[in-house]
């Protein structure tokens, strides 16, 4: 009888832990971002046929980020529950927990960059060797196509202006269009990394200022990337 109770308690504990993962994913925007990035990284790892040791390093880095984010969420929830009004120690606890997440995210970024740099650079050289011969006006045309697409989308949705608010984010679309152009033309993984960091800073600024929602920003970025790639593909014919 006691064995059945222990067995049932173990199952309940396991289910509670899974519920914790699901709740974190549903309620925390950062957790969604971490898991989507983790999914893309793992797909890239399979595509580039990483070794067993490299996969282990990726698993550890991803797990650290997800665990740190969940601990951060737990700390924030407890602090909010105990301390309703502002208190400097409560703010310190939240900031330190958020700093732990940032540290693990930077660690994961460095590990991923080291593991993928050579593979991405070699892959890009074969693609870029053909694109480099394209005329400069293809880049300008790509940006214009993206800008027109954003205007059309906002006119259909009847929300915001080109430079402020609405679906999709015009800044996000142009920032990622530029990132795609730089990546395709340069053929250098380092330059591409620096350009995407700048594009992500644009996205972050639009979100923090409350000008766009996460959905508007993400759709804008996807629109910018896809239309730019399409323009460069059409230019090859």
Protein backbone atom coordinates (compact mmCIF):
# COMPACT_ATOMS: atom_id res chain seq x y z
CA UNK A 1 0.00 0.00 0.00
CA UNK A 2 2.83 2.35 0.91
CA UNK A 3 4.58 1.44 -2.33
CA UNK A 4 1.49 2.45 -4.32
CA UNK A 5 1.35 5.83 -2.53
CA UNK A 6 5.03 6.48 -3.27
CA UNK A 7 4.55 5.45 -6.89
CA UNK A 8 1.53 7.71 -7.25
CA UNK A 9 3.37 10.61 -5.61
CA UNK A 10 6.30 10.16 -7.97
CA UNK A 11 3.97 10.30 -10.97
CA UNK A 12 2.22 13.36 -9.55
CA UNK A 13 5.57 15.09 -9.04
CA UNK A 14 6.55 14.28 -12.61
CA UNK A 15 3.25 15.65 -13.91
CA UNK A 16 3.67 18.81 -11.81
CA UNK A 17 7.11 19.34 -13.32
CA UNK A 18 5.70 19.00 -16.84
CA UNK A 19 2.92 21.44 -15.92
CA UNK A 20 5.62 23.86 -14.79
CA UNK A 21 7.28 23.67 -18.21
CA UNK A 22 3.95 24.20 -19.97
CA UNK A 23 2.97 27.11 -17.72
CA UNK A 24 6.33 28.79 -18.26
CA UNK A 25 5.95 28.44 -22.03
CA UNK A 26 2.38 29.78 -22.00
CA UNK A 27 2.96 32.75 -19.72
CA UNK A 28 6.54 33.83 -20.39
CA UNK A 29 7.43 35.54 -23.67
CA UNK A 30 11.15 34.92 -23.17
CA UNK A 31 10.56 31.19 -22.71
CA UNK A 32 8.80 31.06 -26.08
CA UNK A 33 11.77 32.82 -27.68
CA UNK A 34 14.28 30.47 -26.01
CA UNK A 35 12.42 27.35 -27.13
CA UNK A 36 11.98 28.57 -30.72
CA UNK A 37 15.69 29.41 -30.94
CA UNK A 38 16.55 26.01 -29.42
CA UNK A 39 14.41 24.28 -32.04
CA UNK A 40 16.09 26.16 -34.90
CA UNK A 41 19.57 25.46 -33.48
CA UNK A 42 18.87 21.74 -33.14
CA UNK A 43 17.55 21.59 -36.71
CA UNK A 44 20.72 23.35 -37.87
CA UNK A 45 22.82 20.90 -35.86
CA UNK A 46 21.15 17.99 -37.64
CA UNK A 47 21.55 19.70 -41.03
CA UNK A 48 25.27 20.33 -40.49
CA UNK A 49 25.79 16.85 -39.01
CA UNK A 50 27.43 17.89 -35.75
CA UNK A 51 29.41 15.30 -33.80
CA UNK A 52 28.19 13.62 -30.62
CA UNK A 53 30.34 15.87 -28.40
CA UNK A 54 29.09 18.98 -30.21
CA UNK A 55 25.49 17.85 -29.70
CA UNK A 56 26.18 17.34 -25.99
CA UNK A 57 27.55 20.87 -25.71
CA UNK A 58 24.44 22.25 -27.43
CA UNK A 59 22.13 20.23 -25.15
CA UNK A 60 23.93 21.51 -22.05
CA UNK A 61 23.86 25.13 -23.25
CA UNK A 62 20.15 24.96 -24.18
CA UNK A 63 19.25 23.27 -20.88
CA UNK A 64 21.12 25.93 -18.89
CA UNK A 65 19.19 28.74 -20.61
CA UNK A 66 15.78 27.09 -20.16
CA UNK A 67 16.48 26.14 -16.52
CA UNK A 68 17.75 29.65 -15.72
CA UNK A 69 14.65 31.21 -17.31
CA UNK A 70 12.35 28.97 -15.26
CA UNK A 71 14.22 29.77 -12.03
CA UNK A 72 14.01 33.46 -12.91
CA UNK A 73 10.24 33.12 -13.45
CA UNK A 74 9.85 31.31 -10.11
CA UNK A 75 11.81 34.01 -8.26
CA UNK A 76 9.80 36.81 -9.88
CA UNK A 77 6.53 35.06 -8.99
CA UNK A 78 7.54 34.59 -5.35
CA UNK A 79 8.77 38.18 -5.03
CA UNK A 80 5.54 39.55 -6.53
CA UNK A 81 3.48 37.35 -4.22
CA UNK A 82 5.33 38.41 -1.06
CA UNK A 83 6.02 42.04 -1.87
CA UNK A 84 3.16 43.89 -3.52
CA UNK A 85 4.70 47.37 -3.24
CA UNK A 86 8.08 48.48 -4.59
CA UNK A 87 11.12 47.53 -2.55
CA UNK A 88 14.79 47.90 -3.56
CA UNK A 89 15.65 44.38 -2.35
CA UNK A 90 12.81 42.92 -4.40
CA UNK A 91 14.12 44.76 -7.46
CA UNK A 92 17.63 43.48 -6.72
CA UNK A 93 16.41 39.88 -6.50
CA UNK A 94 14.63 40.18 -9.86
CA UNK A 95 17.61 41.86 -11.53
CA UNK A 96 20.07 39.25 -10.27
CA UNK A 97 17.81 36.42 -11.49
CA UNK A 98 17.47 38.11 -14.89
CA UNK A 99 21.25 38.56 -14.99
CA UNK A 100 21.67 34.80 -14.51
CA UNK A 101 19.47 34.19 -17.56
CA UNK A 102 21.50 36.70 -19.58
CA UNK A 103 24.76 35.00 -18.56
CA UNK A 104 23.52 31.57 -19.68
CA UNK A 105 22.14 33.03 -22.93
CA UNK A 106 25.51 34.64 -23.74
CA UNK A 107 27.22 31.35 -22.94
CA UNK A 108 24.87 29.50 -25.32
CA UNK A 109 25.42 32.13 -28.01
CA UNK A 110 29.21 31.79 -27.79
CA UNK A 111 29.03 27.97 -27.89
CA UNK A 112 26.68 28.03 -30.87
CA UNK A 113 28.82 30.57 -32.70
CA UNK A 114 31.98 28.50 -32.21
CA UNK A 115 30.30 25.28 -33.33
CA UNK A 116 28.57 26.70 -36.41
CA UNK A 117 31.02 29.38 -37.61
CA UNK A 118 33.15 27.24 -39.95
CA UNK A 119 30.19 25.30 -41.28
CA UNK A 120 28.12 28.41 -42.04
CA UNK A 121 31.10 30.18 -43.59
CA UNK A 122 31.89 27.26 -45.93
CA UNK A 123 28.24 26.86 -46.88
CA UNK A 124 27.84 30.57 -47.57
CA UNK A 125 30.93 30.81 -49.80
CA UNK A 126 29.47 28.51 -52.45
CA UNK A 127 26.20 30.46 -52.43
CA UNK A 128 27.73 33.92 -52.26
CA UNK A 129 30.19 33.35 -55.10
CA UNK A 130 27.22 33.54 -57.49
CA UNK A 131 25.39 36.36 -55.74
CA UNK A 132 28.42 38.66 -55.59
CA UNK A 133 28.31 39.08 -59.37
CA UNK A 134 24.82 40.57 -59.20
CA UNK A 135 24.41 44.31 -59.74
CA UNK A 136 24.19 46.62 -56.72
CA UNK A 137 20.69 47.78 -57.65
CA UNK A 138 19.31 44.35 -56.64
CA UNK A 139 19.85 45.34 -53.00
CA UNK A 140 18.06 48.67 -53.48
CA UNK A 141 15.24 46.91 -55.30
CA UNK A 142 14.93 44.40 -52.45
CA UNK A 143 14.54 47.15 -49.87
CA UNK A 144 11.97 48.92 -52.05
CA UNK A 145 9.99 45.70 -52.48
CA UNK A 146 9.95 45.19 -48.71
CA UNK A 147 8.86 48.79 -48.09
CA UNK A 148 6.02 48.50 -50.61
CA UNK A 149 4.90 45.17 -49.13
CA UNK A 150 4.77 46.73 -45.65
CA UNK A 151 2.70 49.66 -46.94
CA UNK A 152 0.27 47.29 -48.65
CA UNK A 153 -0.02 45.08 -45.56
CA UNK A 154 -0.69 48.08 -43.30
CA UNK A 155 -3.24 49.51 -45.69
CA UNK A 156 -5.08 46.18 -45.69
CA UNK A 157 -4.98 45.92 -41.90
CA UNK A 158 -5.69 49.65 -41.56
CA UNK A 159 -3.42 49.94 -38.52
CA UNK A 160 -0.54 52.32 -37.80
CA UNK A 161 1.71 54.20 -40.20
CA UNK A 162 4.81 52.96 -41.98
CA UNK A 163 7.11 54.28 -39.25
CA UNK A 164 4.94 53.68 -36.20
CA UNK A 165 2.71 50.82 -35.09
CA UNK A 166 0.55 48.43 -37.05
CA UNK A 167 0.96 45.03 -38.67
CA UNK A 168 3.67 44.30 -39.70
CA UNK A 169 6.57 46.30 -38.24
CA UNK A 170 8.20 48.33 -41.02
CA UNK A 171 11.43 48.82 -39.03
CA UNK A 172 11.63 45.09 -38.40
CA UNK A 173 11.05 44.25 -42.06
CA UNK A 174 13.70 46.68 -43.32
CA UNK A 175 16.22 45.74 -40.61
CA UNK A 176 16.03 42.06 -41.52
CA UNK A 177 15.98 42.84 -45.21
CA UNK A 178 19.29 44.67 -44.72
CA UNK A 179 20.61 41.77 -42.66
CA UNK A 180 19.70 39.35 -45.47
CA UNK A 181 21.34 41.58 -48.10
CA UNK A 182 24.53 41.90 -46.05
CA UNK A 183 24.63 38.14 -45.46
CA UNK A 184 24.10 37.25 -49.11
CA UNK A 185 26.59 39.81 -50.44
CA UNK A 186 29.38 39.51 -47.85
CA UNK A 187 29.56 35.73 -47.59
CA UNK A 188 31.19 36.13 -44.19
CA UNK A 189 29.76 34.57 -41.04
CA UNK A 190 31.25 37.22 -38.75
CA UNK A 191 29.81 40.11 -40.75
CA UNK A 192 26.48 38.30 -40.91
CA UNK A 193 26.50 37.83 -37.12
CA UNK A 194 27.23 41.51 -36.51
CA UNK A 195 24.46 42.55 -38.90
CA UNK A 196 21.85 40.31 -37.27
CA UNK A 197 22.82 41.69 -33.85
CA UNK A 198 22.08 45.19 -35.18
CA UNK A 199 18.77 43.99 -36.63
CA UNK A 200 17.84 42.40 -33.30
CA UNK A 201 18.62 45.68 -31.52
CA UNK A 202 16.12 47.40 -33.81
CA UNK A 203 13.50 44.78 -32.96
CA UNK A 204 14.17 45.12 -29.25
CA UNK A 205 13.88 48.91 -29.36
CA UNK A 206 10.48 48.71 -31.12
CA UNK A 207 9.19 46.25 -28.53
CA UNK A 208 10.54 48.08 -25.48
CA UNK A 209 9.09 51.38 -26.71
CA UNK A 210 5.68 49.70 -26.94
CA UNK A 211 5.33 50.63 -30.60
CA UNK A 212 4.83 47.06 -31.84
CA UNK A 213 3.72 43.74 -30.42
CA UNK A 214 5.92 40.64 -30.60
CA UNK A 215 3.72 39.24 -33.38
CA UNK A 216 4.04 42.40 -35.50
CA UNK A 217 7.82 42.41 -35.05
CA UNK A 218 8.30 38.73 -35.91
CA UNK A 219 6.05 38.88 -38.98
CA UNK A 220 7.90 42.00 -40.15
CA UNK A 221 11.25 40.21 -39.81
CA UNK A 222 10.02 37.13 -41.69
CA UNK A 223 8.56 39.33 -44.43
CA UNK A 224 11.85 41.19 -44.85
CA UNK A 225 13.90 38.00 -45.07
CA UNK A 226 11.62 36.13 -47.46
CA UNK A 227 11.09 39.01 -49.90
CA UNK A 228 14.82 39.81 -50.00
CA UNK A 229 15.75 36.19 -50.68
CA UNK A 230 13.07 36.07 -53.38
CA UNK A 231 14.47 39.20 -55.02
CA UNK A 232 17.99 37.78 -55.10
CA UNK A 233 16.73 34.46 -56.44
CA UNK A 234 14.83 36.18 -59.24
CA UNK A 235 17.94 38.20 -60.12
CA UNK A 236 19.83 34.99 -60.87
CA UNK A 237 17.55 34.12 -63.79
